[in-house]
Protein backbone atom coordinates (compact mmCIF):
# COMPACT_ATOMS: atom_id res chain seq x y z
CA UNK A 1 -14.34 61.91 -48.15
CA UNK A 2 -16.58 64.89 -47.98
CA UNK A 3 -17.28 67.41 -45.23
CA UNK A 4 -20.55 65.77 -44.12
CA UNK A 5 -18.72 62.51 -43.35
CA UNK A 6 -16.18 64.30 -41.13
CA UNK A 7 -18.92 66.11 -39.22
CA UNK A 8 -20.87 62.96 -38.50
CA UNK A 9 -17.65 61.17 -37.53
CA UNK A 10 -16.91 63.91 -35.01
CA UNK A 11 -20.43 63.70 -33.64
CA UNK A 12 -20.02 59.95 -33.21
CA UNK A 13 -16.75 60.48 -31.32
CA UNK A 14 -18.41 63.05 -29.07
CA UNK A 15 -21.33 60.69 -28.48
CA UNK A 16 -18.91 57.87 -27.63
CA UNK A 17 -17.07 60.08 -25.13
CA UNK A 18 -20.39 61.09 -23.54
CA UNK A 19 -21.47 57.45 -23.34
CA UNK A 20 -18.17 56.51 -21.72
CA UNK A 21 -18.68 59.23 -19.12
CA UNK A 22 -22.21 58.05 -18.41
CA UNK A 23 -21.06 54.43 -18.16
CA UNK A 24 -18.36 55.51 -15.68
CA UNK A 25 -20.96 57.30 -13.55
CA UNK A 26 -23.23 54.24 -13.63
CA UNK A 27 -20.29 52.04 -12.62
CA UNK A 28 -19.48 54.37 -9.72
CA UNK A 29 -23.14 54.35 -8.64
CA UNK A 30 -23.19 50.55 -8.74
CA UNK A 31 -20.07 50.45 -6.56
CA UNK A 32 -21.80 52.70 -4.02
CA UNK A 33 -24.91 50.50 -4.09
CA UNK A 34 -22.76 47.39 -3.67
CA UNK A 35 -21.03 48.92 -0.64
CA UNK A 36 -24.39 49.90 0.84
CA UNK A 37 -25.76 46.39 0.34
CA UNK A 38 -22.70 44.89 2.01
CA UNK A 39 -23.18 47.23 4.99
CA UNK A 40 -26.86 46.26 5.20
CA UNK A 41 -25.96 42.55 5.06
CA UNK A 42 -23.44 43.04 7.88
CA UNK A 43 -26.07 44.81 9.97
CA UNK A 44 -28.60 42.06 9.36
CA UNK A 45 -26.07 39.43 10.42
CA UNK A 46 -25.42 41.36 13.64
CA UNK A 47 -29.16 41.55 14.31
CA UNK A 48 -29.59 37.82 13.71
CA UNK A 49 -26.76 37.12 16.12
CA UNK A 50 -28.25 39.44 18.75
CA UNK A 51 -31.68 37.86 18.46
CA UNK A 52 -30.97 34.18 17.87
CA UNK A 53 -27.73 33.59 19.80
CA UNK A 54 -28.64 30.67 22.09
CA UNK A 55 -26.53 31.89 25.02
CA UNK A 56 -26.88 35.68 24.97
CA UNK A 57 -29.55 36.44 22.38
CA UNK A 58 -32.93 38.04 22.85
CA UNK A 59 -34.73 34.69 22.98
CA UNK A 60 -32.33 33.42 25.65
CA UNK A 61 -33.00 36.52 27.74
CA UNK A 62 -36.75 36.11 27.33
CA UNK A 63 -36.48 32.48 28.38
CA UNK A 64 -34.60 33.53 31.53
CA UNK A 65 -37.18 36.21 32.34
CA UNK A 66 -40.07 33.78 31.89
CA UNK A 67 -38.35 31.26 34.14
CA UNK A 68 -37.73 33.94 36.79
CA UNK A 69 -41.36 35.07 36.54
CA UNK A 70 -42.64 31.51 37.08
CA UNK A 71 -40.37 30.99 40.08
CA UNK A 72 -41.37 34.32 41.59
CA UNK A 73 -45.05 33.51 41.16
CA UNK A 74 -44.56 30.17 42.95
CA UNK A 75 -42.75 31.84 45.84
CA UNK A 76 -45.45 34.51 46.13
CA UNK A 77 -48.19 31.86 46.25
CA UNK A 78 -46.24 29.97 48.91
CA UNK A 79 -45.84 33.13 51.02
CA UNK A 80 -49.51 34.08 50.53
CA UNK A 81 -50.81 30.66 51.56
CA UNK A 82 -48.45 30.64 54.56
CA UNK A 83 -49.66 34.07 55.71
CA UNK A 84 -53.31 33.09 55.24
CA UNK A 85 -52.68 29.84 57.15
CA UNK A 86 -50.92 31.65 60.00
CA UNK A 87 -53.67 34.28 60.17
CA UNK A 88 -56.33 31.58 60.25
CA UNK A 89 -54.46 29.64 62.97
CA UNK A 90 -54.00 32.80 65.02
CA UNK A 91 -57.67 33.75 64.66
CA UNK A 92 -58.70 30.20 65.57
CA UNK A 93 -56.60 30.29 68.78
CA UNK A 94 -57.75 33.77 69.77
CA UNK A 95 -61.48 33.22 69.27
CA UNK A 96 -61.74 29.62 70.45
């Protein structure tokens, strides 16, 4: 065994230690990414529930609003035609 072999052996050990440190950092980074992805998936599931829930979701609320709008429009037309009819009847009686 000569001196050059010991030096290169030490360099290899140092390189291995550095690689282990880098691998540990990559592993830690992957754990952080995994946690972030899990949080994102949880948030997406909450959004899907809020939007698509058949009883309380966004689409259910829109359906209720559209139904209310249609009913209100019908009532307004009924009131308008009644007022126009009463005005016409009153004008007919007054002028004839």
